Amino acid sequence: MGSDRFVEKLKPYLSGRSTLRDVPRKQRLVDRPSPKGLFGDADQGSKARRKQLVRRARLQCGYTLSEIAAHLDIHYTTVSKVVNENNED
């Protein structure tokens, strides 16, 4: 979409636009944190914190199950179970 500097200049204009379906996903979610930035040192943290970050990555940041799984080096079905854990009630 452009250089990092260009993307940084556009971020204020993109706020709240992540739900527009007619804009390609890559462009809608350009201002989301990177997986590294999102998870940071989650491996050293508690299991509950890691699960919370997995749900945030999927539901708020729009990462796919496969993207999250690849970053955390786990299977995508494990990610799916974590994401759906609170939705079973």
PDB file of N, CA and C in Angstrom:
ATOM      1  N   MET A   1       0.817  -1.182   0.000  1.00  0.00           N
ATOM      2  CA  MET A   1       0.000   0.000   0.000  1.00  0.00           C
ATOM      3  C   MET A   1       0.866   1.253   0.000  1.00  0.00           C
ATOM      4  N   GLY A   2       2.093   1.146   0.411  1.00  0.00           N
ATOM      5  CA  GLY A   2       2.982   2.297   0.444  1.00  0.00           C
ATOM      6  C   GLY A   2       4.068   2.077   1.462  1.00  0.00           C
ATOM      7  N   SER A   3       4.895   3.064   1.639  1.00  0.00           N
ATOM      8  CA  SER A   3       5.980   2.965   2.609  1.00  0.00           C
ATOM      9  C   SER A   3       5.424   3.021   4.032  1.00  0.00           C
ATOM     10  N   ASP A   4       6.244   2.649   4.980  1.00  0.00           N
ATOM     11  CA  ASP A   4       5.826   2.695   6.381  1.00  0.00           C
ATOM     12  C   ASP A   4       5.466   4.128   6.790  1.00  0.00           C
ATOM     13  N   ARG A   5       6.214   5.081   6.290  1.00  0.00           N
ATOM     14  CA  ARG A   5       5.961   6.490   6.606  1.00  0.00           C
ATOM     15  C   ARG A   5       4.587   6.910   6.077  1.00  0.00           C
ATOM     16  N   PHE A   6       4.261   6.487   4.860  1.00  0.00           N
ATOM     17  CA  PHE A   6       2.966   6.788   4.262  1.00  0.00           C
ATOM     18  C   PHE A   6       1.831   6.187   5.080  1.00  0.00           C
ATOM     19  N   VAL A   7       1.993   4.938   5.474  1.00  0.00           N
ATOM     20  CA  VAL A   7       0.968   4.255   6.261  1.00  0.00           C
ATOM     21  C   VAL A   7       0.767   4.963   7.600  1.00  0.00           C
ATOM     22  N   GLU A   8       1.855   5.386   8.242  1.00  0.00           N
ATOM     23  CA  GLU A   8       1.755   6.100   9.517  1.00  0.00           C
ATOM     24  C   GLU A   8       0.955   7.397   9.364  1.00  0.00           C
ATOM     25  N   LYS A   9       1.143   8.087   8.248  1.00  0.00           N
ATOM     26  CA  LYS A   9       0.415   9.327   8.005  1.00  0.00           C
ATOM     27  C   LYS A   9      -1.081   9.074   7.811  1.00  0.00           C
ATOM     28  N   LEU A  10      -1.441   7.888   7.302  1.00  0.00           N
ATOM     29  CA  LEU A  10      -2.845   7.569   7.040  1.00  0.00           C
ATOM     30  C   LEU A  10      -3.603   7.031   8.256  1.00  0.00           C
ATOM     31  N   LYS A  11      -2.897   6.527   9.242  1.00  0.00           N
ATOM     32  CA  LYS A  11      -3.554   5.879  10.386  1.00  0.00           C
ATOM     33  C   LYS A  11      -4.666   6.715  11.020  1.00  0.00           C
ATOM     34  N   PRO A  12      -4.488   8.014  11.239  1.00  0.00           N
ATOM     35  CA  PRO A  12      -5.594   8.786  11.844  1.00  0.00           C
ATOM     36  C   PRO A  12      -6.872   8.768  10.995  1.00  0.00           C
ATOM     37  N   TYR A  13      -6.736   8.667   9.705  1.00  0.00           N
ATOM     38  CA  TYR A  13      -7.898   8.656   8.808  1.00  0.00           C
ATOM     39  C   TYR A  13      -8.590   7.291   8.764  1.00  0.00           C
ATOM     40  N   LEU A  14      -7.867   6.252   9.182  1.00  0.00           N
ATOM     41  CA  LEU A  14      -8.394   4.897   9.103  1.00  0.00           C
ATOM     42  C   LEU A  14      -9.094   4.453  10.379  1.00  0.00           C
ATOM     43  N   SER A  15      -8.985   5.219  11.417  1.00  0.00           N
ATOM     44  CA  SER A  15      -9.586   4.868  12.697  1.00  0.00           C
ATOM     45  C   SER A  15     -11.079   4.610  12.535  1.00  0.00           C
ATOM     46  N   GLY A  16     -11.531   3.453  13.011  1.00  0.00           N
ATOM     47  CA  GLY A  16     -12.947   3.107  12.947  1.00  0.00           C
ATOM     48  C   GLY A  16     -13.403   2.561  11.610  1.00  0.00           C
ATOM     49  N   ARG A  17     -12.494   2.312  10.703  1.00  0.00           N
ATOM     50  CA  ARG A  17     -12.859   1.843   9.366  1.00  0.00           C
ATOM     51  C   ARG A  17     -12.657   0.341   9.189  1.00  0.00           C
ATOM     52  N   SER A  18     -12.334  -0.373  10.244  1.00  0.00           N
ATOM     53  CA  SER A  18     -12.009  -1.793  10.121  1.00  0.00           C
ATOM     54  C   SER A  18     -13.201  -2.668   9.773  1.00  0.00           C
ATOM     55  N   THR A  19     -14.409  -2.118   9.812  1.00  0.00           N
ATOM     56  CA  THR A  19     -15.594  -2.924   9.508  1.00  0.00           C
ATOM     57  C   THR A  19     -16.111  -2.739   8.084  1.00  0.00           C
ATOM     58  N   LEU A  20     -15.493  -1.879   7.309  1.00  0.00           N
ATOM     59  CA  LEU A  20     -15.931  -1.663   5.929  1.00  0.00           C
ATOM     60  C   LEU A  20     -15.557  -2.866   5.078  1.00  0.00           C
ATOM     61  N   ARG A  21     -16.540  -3.631   4.630  1.00  0.00           N
ATOM     62  CA  ARG A  21     -16.289  -4.871   3.895  1.00  0.00           C
ATOM     63  C   ARG A  21     -15.919  -4.649   2.433  1.00  0.00           C
ATOM     64  N   ASP A  22     -16.244  -3.484   1.863  1.00  0.00           N
ATOM     65  CA  ASP A  22     -15.914  -3.255   0.464  1.00  0.00           C
ATOM     66  C   ASP A  22     -14.474  -2.781   0.269  1.00  0.00           C
ATOM     67  N   VAL A  23     -13.761  -2.577   1.368  1.00  0.00           N
ATOM     68  CA  VAL A  23     -12.342  -2.229   1.321  1.00  0.00           C
ATOM     69  C   VAL A  23     -11.558  -3.506   1.607  1.00  0.00           C
ATOM     70  N   PRO A  24     -10.548  -3.823   0.798  1.00  0.00           N
ATOM     71  CA  PRO A  24      -9.782  -5.053   1.022  1.00  0.00           C
ATOM     72  C   PRO A  24      -9.255  -5.159   2.454  1.00  0.00           C
ATOM     73  N   ARG A  25      -9.269  -6.359   2.985  1.00  0.00           N
ATOM     74  CA  ARG A  25      -8.872  -6.642   4.360  1.00  0.00           C
ATOM     75  C   ARG A  25      -7.506  -6.058   4.684  1.00  0.00           C
ATOM     76  N   LYS A  26      -6.563  -6.222   3.785  1.00  0.00           N
ATOM     77  CA  LYS A  26      -5.197  -5.736   4.021  1.00  0.00           C
ATOM     78  C   LYS A  26      -5.178  -4.221   4.224  1.00  0.00           C
ATOM     79  N   GLN A  27      -6.034  -3.511   3.528  1.00  0.00           N
ATOM     80  CA  GLN A  27      -6.095  -2.065   3.669  1.00  0.00           C
ATOM     81  C   GLN A  27      -6.905  -1.645   4.886  1.00  0.00           C
ATOM     82  N   ARG A  28      -7.988  -2.378   5.191  1.00  0.00           N
ATOM     83  CA  ARG A  28      -8.820  -2.049   6.357  1.00  0.00           C
ATOM     84  C   ARG A  28      -8.050  -2.168   7.659  1.00  0.00           C
ATOM     85  N   LEU A  29      -7.186  -3.164   7.718  1.00  0.00           N
ATOM     86  CA  LEU A  29      -6.523  -3.493   8.973  1.00  0.00           C
ATOM     87  C   LEU A  29      -5.065  -3.052   9.017  1.00  0.00           C
ATOM     88  N   VAL A  30      -4.718  -2.064   8.223  1.00  0.00           N
ATOM     89  CA  VAL A  30      -3.331  -1.623   8.134  1.00  0.00           C
ATOM     90  C   VAL A  30      -2.818  -1.049   9.463  1.00  0.00           C
ATOM     91  N   ASP A  31      -3.698  -0.522  10.288  1.00  0.00           N
ATOM     92  CA  ASP A  31      -3.250   0.090  11.535  1.00  0.00           C
ATOM     93  C   ASP A  31      -3.263  -0.860  12.730  1.00  0.00           C
ATOM     94  N   ARG A  32      -3.517  -2.131  12.495  1.00  0.00           N
ATOM     95  CA  ARG A  32      -3.516  -3.090  13.608  1.00  0.00           C
ATOM     96  C   ARG A  32      -2.069  -3.367  14.044  1.00  0.00           C
ATOM     97  N   PRO A  33      -1.897  -3.763  15.299  1.00  0.00           N
ATOM     98  CA  PRO A  33      -0.546  -4.079  15.760  1.00  0.00           C
ATOM     99  C   PRO A  33      -0.034  -5.355  15.088  1.00  0.00           C
ATOM    100  N   SER A  34       1.259  -5.448  14.922  1.00  0.00           N
ATOM    101  CA  SER A  34       1.851  -6.669  14.374  1.00  0.00           C
ATOM    102  C   SER A  34       1.692  -7.795  15.397  1.00  0.00           C
ATOM    103  N   PRO A  35       1.747  -9.053  14.964  1.00  0.00           N
ATOM    104  CA  PRO A  35       1.665 -10.140  15.938  1.00  0.00           C
ATOM    105  C   PRO A  35       2.746 -10.026  17.016  1.00  0.00           C
ATOM    106  N   LYS A  36       3.948  -9.653  16.608  1.00  0.00           N
ATOM    107  CA  LYS A  36       5.039  -9.502  17.582  1.00  0.00           C
ATOM    108  C   LYS A  36       4.711  -8.407  18.587  1.00  0.00           C
ATOM    109  N   GLY A  37       4.178  -7.298  18.099  1.00  0.00           N
ATOM    110  CA  GLY A  37       3.794  -6.208  18.987  1.00  0.00           C
ATOM    111  C   GLY A  37       2.610  -6.561  19.863  1.00  0.00           C
ATOM    112  N   LEU A  38       1.696  -7.341  19.340  1.00  0.00           N
ATOM    113  CA  LEU A  38       0.499  -7.735  20.079  1.00  0.00           C
ATOM    114  C   LEU A  38       0.821  -8.733  21.186  1.00  0.00           C
ATOM    115  N   PHE A  39       1.590  -9.759  20.834  1.00  0.00           N
ATOM    116  CA  PHE A  39       1.871 -10.818  21.804  1.00  0.00           C
ATOM    117  C   PHE A  39       3.089 -10.531  22.671  1.00  0.00           C
ATOM    118  N   GLY A  40       4.026  -9.739  22.154  1.00  0.00           N
ATOM    119  CA  GLY A  40       5.210  -9.396  22.932  1.00  0.00           C
ATOM    120  C   GLY A  40       5.839 -10.619  23.565  1.00  0.00           C
ATOM    121  N   ASP A  41       5.908 -10.606  24.871  1.00  0.00           N
ATOM    122  CA  ASP A  41       6.481 -11.741  25.598  1.00  0.00           C
ATOM    123  C   ASP A  41       5.385 -12.564  26.271  1.00  0.00           C
ATOM    124  N   ALA A  42       4.298 -12.809  25.550  1.00  0.00           N
ATOM    125  CA  ALA A  42       3.161 -13.559  26.103  1.00  0.00           C
ATOM    126  C   ALA A  42       3.557 -14.964  26.523  1.00  0.00           C
ATOM    127  N   ASP A  43       4.627 -15.503  25.936  1.00  0.00           N
ATOM    128  CA  ASP A  43       5.076 -16.842  26.327  1.00  0.00           C
ATOM    129  C   ASP A  43       5.549 -16.870  27.775  1.00  0.00           C
ATOM    130  N   GLN A  44       6.037 -15.726  28.282  1.00  0.00           N
ATOM    131  CA  GLN A  44       6.484 -15.656  29.669  1.00  0.00           C
ATOM    132  C   GLN A  44       5.335 -15.334  30.626  1.00  0.00           C
ATOM    133  N   GLY A  45       4.221 -14.871  30.093  1.00  0.00           N
ATOM    134  CA  GLY A  45       3.088 -14.472  30.922  1.00  0.00           C
ATOM    135  C   GLY A  45       2.194 -15.640  31.297  1.00  0.00           C
ATOM    136  N   SER A  46       1.075 -15.304  31.894  1.00  0.00           N
ATOM    137  CA  SER A  46       0.140 -16.333  32.323  1.00  0.00           C
ATOM    138  C   SER A  46      -0.636 -16.891  31.140  1.00  0.00           C
ATOM    139  N   LYS A  47      -1.180 -18.077  31.332  1.00  0.00           N
ATOM    140  CA  LYS A  47      -1.982 -18.727  30.294  1.00  0.00           C
ATOM    141  C   LYS A  47      -3.237 -17.909  29.994  1.00  0.00           C
ATOM    142  N   ALA A  48      -3.834 -17.334  31.037  1.00  0.00           N
ATOM    143  CA  ALA A  48      -5.037 -16.525  30.862  1.00  0.00           C
ATOM    144  C   ALA A  48      -4.740 -15.288  30.014  1.00  0.00           C
ATOM    145  N   ARG A  49      -3.584 -14.672  30.232  1.00  0.00           N
ATOM    146  CA  ARG A  49      -3.196 -13.489  29.450  1.00  0.00           C
ATOM    147  C   ARG A  49      -2.982 -13.861  27.981  1.00  0.00           C
ATOM    148  N   ARG A  50      -2.346 -14.988  27.746  1.00  0.00           N
ATOM    149  CA  ARG A  50      -2.114 -15.431  26.371  1.00  0.00           C
ATOM    150  C   ARG A  50      -3.445 -15.694  25.658  1.00  0.00           C
ATOM    151  N   LYS A  51      -4.386 -16.327  26.351  1.00  0.00           N
ATOM    152  CA  LYS A  51      -5.701 -16.584  25.767  1.00  0.00           C
ATOM    153  C   LYS A  51      -6.410 -15.274  25.447  1.00  0.00           C
ATOM    154  N   GLN A  52      -6.298 -14.307  26.325  1.00  0.00           N
ATOM    155  CA  GLN A  52      -6.900 -12.996  26.101  1.00  0.00           C
ATOM    156  C   GLN A  52      -6.306 -12.341  24.854  1.00  0.00           C
ATOM    157  N   LEU A  53      -5.006 -12.445  24.685  1.00  0.00           N
ATOM    158  CA  LEU A  53      -4.347 -11.863  23.515  1.00  0.00           C
ATOM    159  C   LEU A  53      -4.727 -12.599  22.230  1.00  0.00           C
ATOM    160  N   VAL A  54      -4.912 -13.912  22.307  1.00  0.00           N
ATOM    161  CA  VAL A  54      -5.345 -14.683  21.135  1.00  0.00           C
ATOM    162  C   VAL A  54      -6.730 -14.212  20.703  1.00  0.00           C
ATOM    163  N   ARG A  55      -7.639 -14.049  21.654  1.00  0.00           N
ATOM    164  CA  ARG A  55      -8.997 -13.574  21.330  1.00  0.00           C
ATOM    165  C   ARG A  55      -8.952 -12.164  20.739  1.00  0.00           C
ATOM    166  N   ARG A  56      -8.109 -11.308  21.300  1.00  0.00           N
ATOM    167  CA  ARG A  56      -7.985  -9.945  20.777  1.00  0.00           C
ATOM    168  C   ARG A  56      -7.438  -9.962  19.348  1.00  0.00           C
ATOM    169  N   ALA A  57      -6.411 -10.783  19.116  1.00  0.00           N
ATOM    170  CA  ALA A  57      -5.811 -10.869  17.780  1.00  0.00           C
ATOM    171  C   ALA A  57      -6.848 -11.284  16.744  1.00  0.00           C
ATOM    172  N   ARG A  58      -7.715 -12.210  17.107  1.00  0.00           N
ATOM    173  CA  ARG A  58      -8.717 -12.717  16.164  1.00  0.00           C
ATOM    174  C   ARG A  58      -9.906 -11.771  16.021  1.00  0.00           C
ATOM    175  N   LEU A  59     -10.490 -11.367  17.147  1.00  0.00           N
ATOM    176  CA  LEU A  59     -11.759 -10.654  17.121  1.00  0.00           C
ATOM    177  C   LEU A  59     -11.625  -9.153  16.898  1.00  0.00           C
ATOM    178  N   GLN A  60     -10.574  -8.546  17.424  1.00  0.00           N
ATOM    179  CA  GLN A  60     -10.424  -7.102  17.288  1.00  0.00           C
ATOM    180  C   GLN A  60      -9.434  -6.712  16.189  1.00  0.00           C
ATOM    181  N   CYS A  61      -8.385  -7.508  16.026  1.00  0.00           N
ATOM    182  CA  CYS A  61      -7.341  -7.155  15.061  1.00  0.00           C
ATOM    183  C   CYS A  61      -7.515  -7.852  13.719  1.00  0.00           C
ATOM    184  N   GLY A  62      -8.392  -8.840  13.649  1.00  0.00           N
ATOM    185  CA  GLY A  62      -8.713  -9.477  12.378  1.00  0.00           C
ATOM    186  C   GLY A  62      -7.700 -10.467  11.848  1.00  0.00           C
ATOM    187  N   TYR A  63      -6.802 -10.947  12.691  1.00  0.00           N
ATOM    188  CA  TYR A  63      -5.854 -11.964  12.234  1.00  0.00           C
ATOM    189  C   TYR A  63      -6.582 -13.285  12.032  1.00  0.00           C
ATOM    190  N   THR A  64      -6.172 -14.046  11.042  1.00  0.00           N
ATOM    191  CA  THR A  64      -6.775 -15.350  10.801  1.00  0.00           C
ATOM    192  C   THR A  64      -6.260 -16.344  11.827  1.00  0.00           C
ATOM    193  N   LEU A  65      -6.980 -17.450  11.957  1.00  0.00           N
ATOM    194  CA  LEU A  65      -6.536 -18.499  12.873  1.00  0.00           C
ATOM    195  C   LEU A  65      -5.142 -18.973  12.490  1.00  0.00           C
ATOM    196  N   SER A  66      -4.906 -19.119  11.208  1.00  0.00           N
ATOM    197  CA  SER A  66      -3.608 -19.592  10.718  1.00  0.00           C
ATOM    198  C   SER A  66      -2.488 -18.606  11.025  1.00  0.00           C
ATOM    199  N   GLU A  67      -2.755 -17.319  10.882  1.00  0.00           N
ATOM    200  CA  GLU A  67      -1.740 -16.308  11.178  1.00  0.00           C
ATOM    201  C   GLU A  67      -1.354 -16.324  12.648  1.00  0.00           C
ATOM    202  N   ILE A  68      -2.350 -16.429  13.514  1.00  0.00           N
ATOM    203  CA  ILE A  68      -2.089 -16.469  14.955  1.00  0.00           C
ATOM    204  C   ILE A  68      -1.330 -17.740  15.309  1.00  0.00           C
ATOM    205  N   ALA A  69      -1.789 -18.859  14.771  1.00  0.00           N
ATOM    206  CA  ALA A  69      -1.152 -20.146  15.054  1.00  0.00           C
ATOM    207  C   ALA A  69       0.297 -20.158  14.601  1.00  0.00           C
ATOM    208  N   ALA A  70       0.568 -19.611  13.425  1.00  0.00           N
ATOM    209  CA  ALA A  70       1.944 -19.585  12.916  1.00  0.00           C
ATOM    210  C   ALA A  70       2.835 -18.742  13.821  1.00  0.00           C
ATOM    211  N   HIS A  71       2.317 -17.624  14.294  1.00  0.00           N
ATOM    212  CA  HIS A  71       3.130 -16.769  15.163  1.00  0.00           C
ATOM    213  C   HIS A  71       3.430 -17.445  16.501  1.00  0.00           C
ATOM    214  N   LEU A  72       2.431 -18.131  17.047  1.00  0.00           N
ATOM    215  CA  LEU A  72       2.604 -18.768  18.361  1.00  0.00           C
ATOM    216  C   LEU A  72       3.151 -20.192  18.274  1.00  0.00           C
ATOM    217  N   ASP A  73       3.313 -20.693  17.045  1.00  0.00           N
ATOM    218  CA  ASP A  73       3.800 -22.047  16.813  1.00  0.00           C
ATOM    219  C   ASP A  73       2.893 -23.090  17.470  1.00  0.00           C
ATOM    220  N   ILE A  74       1.591 -22.931  17.231  1.00  0.00           N
ATOM    221  CA  ILE A  74       0.593 -23.891  17.708  1.00  0.00           C
ATOM    222  C   ILE A  74      -0.329 -24.213  16.529  1.00  0.00           C
ATOM    223  N   HIS A  75      -1.189 -25.188  16.676  1.00  0.00           N
ATOM    224  CA  HIS A  75      -2.104 -25.577  15.604  1.00  0.00           C
ATOM    225  C   HIS A  75      -3.282 -24.607  15.572  1.00  0.00           C
ATOM    226  N   TYR A  76      -3.795 -24.355  14.362  1.00  0.00           N
ATOM    227  CA  TYR A  76      -4.892 -23.392  14.233  1.00  0.00           C
ATOM    228  C   TYR A  76      -6.169 -23.847  14.945  1.00  0.00           C
ATOM    229  N   THR A  77      -6.376 -25.149  15.126  1.00  0.00           N
ATOM    230  CA  THR A  77      -7.565 -25.592  15.866  1.00  0.00           C
ATOM    231  C   THR A  77      -7.454 -25.218  17.344  1.00  0.00           C
ATOM    232  N   THR A  78      -6.248 -25.154  17.857  1.00  0.00           N
ATOM    233  CA  THR A  78      -6.040 -24.709  19.232  1.00  0.00           C
ATOM    234  C   THR A  78      -6.452 -23.248  19.360  1.00  0.00           C
ATOM    235  N   VAL A  79      -6.085 -22.458  18.385  1.00  0.00           N
ATOM    236  CA  VAL A  79      -6.477 -21.046  18.367  1.00  0.00           C
ATOM    237  C   VAL A  79      -7.995 -20.941  18.308  1.00  0.00           C
ATOM    238  N   SER A  80      -8.638 -21.745  17.460  1.00  0.00           N
ATOM    239  CA  SER A  80     -10.082 -21.736  17.332  1.00  0.00           C
ATOM    240  C   SER A  80     -10.759 -22.062  18.660  1.00  0.00           C
ATOM    241  N   LYS A  81     -10.245 -23.041  19.359  1.00  0.00           N
ATOM    242  CA  LYS A  81     -10.825 -23.409  20.660  1.00  0.00           C
ATOM    243  C   LYS A  81     -10.711 -22.266  21.649  1.00  0.00           C
ATOM    244  N   VAL A  82      -9.590 -21.584  21.667  1.00  0.00           N
ATOM    245  CA  VAL A  82      -9.405 -20.453  22.582  1.00  0.00           C
ATOM    246  C   VAL A  82     -10.381 -19.325  22.235  1.00  0.00           C
ATOM    247  N   VAL A  83     -10.492 -19.019  20.961  1.00  0.00           N
ATOM    248  CA  VAL A  83     -11.377 -17.936  20.525  1.00  0.00           C
ATOM    249  C   VAL A  83     -12.824 -18.241  20.874  1.00  0.00           C
ATOM    250  N   ASN A  84     -13.242 -19.494  20.700  1.00  0.00           N
ATOM    251  CA  ASN A  84     -14.635 -19.867  20.945  1.00  0.00           C
ATOM    252  C   ASN A  84     -14.933 -20.265  22.371  1.00  0.00           C
ATOM    253  N   GLU A  85     -13.930 -20.304  23.222  1.00  0.00           N
ATOM    254  CA  GLU A  85     -14.079 -20.730  24.616  1.00  0.00           C
ATOM    255  C   GLU A  85     -15.189 -19.988  25.351  1.00  0.00           C
ATOM    256  N   ASN A  86     -15.247 -18.683  25.233  1.00  0.00           N
ATOM    257  CA  ASN A  86     -16.246 -17.883  25.953  1.00  0.00           C
ATOM    258  C   ASN A  86     -17.581 -17.821  25.249  1.00  0.00           C
ATOM    259  N   ASN A  87     -17.655 -18.301  24.013  1.00  0.00           N
ATOM    260  CA  ASN A  87     -18.886 -18.237  23.230  1.00  0.00           C
ATOM    261  C   ASN A  87     -19.761 -19.476  23.388  1.00  0.00           C
ATOM    262  N   GLU A  88     -19.357 -20.406  24.209  1.00  0.00           N
ATOM    263  CA  GLU A  88     -20.097 -21.670  24.352  1.00  0.00           C
ATOM    264  C   GLU A  88     -21.210 -21.580  25.388  1.00  0.00           C
ATOM    265  N   ASP A  89     -21.302 -20.476  26.126  1.00  0.00           N
ATOM    266  CA  ASP A  89     -22.318 -20.375  27.177  1.00  0.00           C
ATOM    267  C   ASP A  89     -23.699 -20.166  26.628  1.00  0.00           C
TER     268      ASP A  89
END
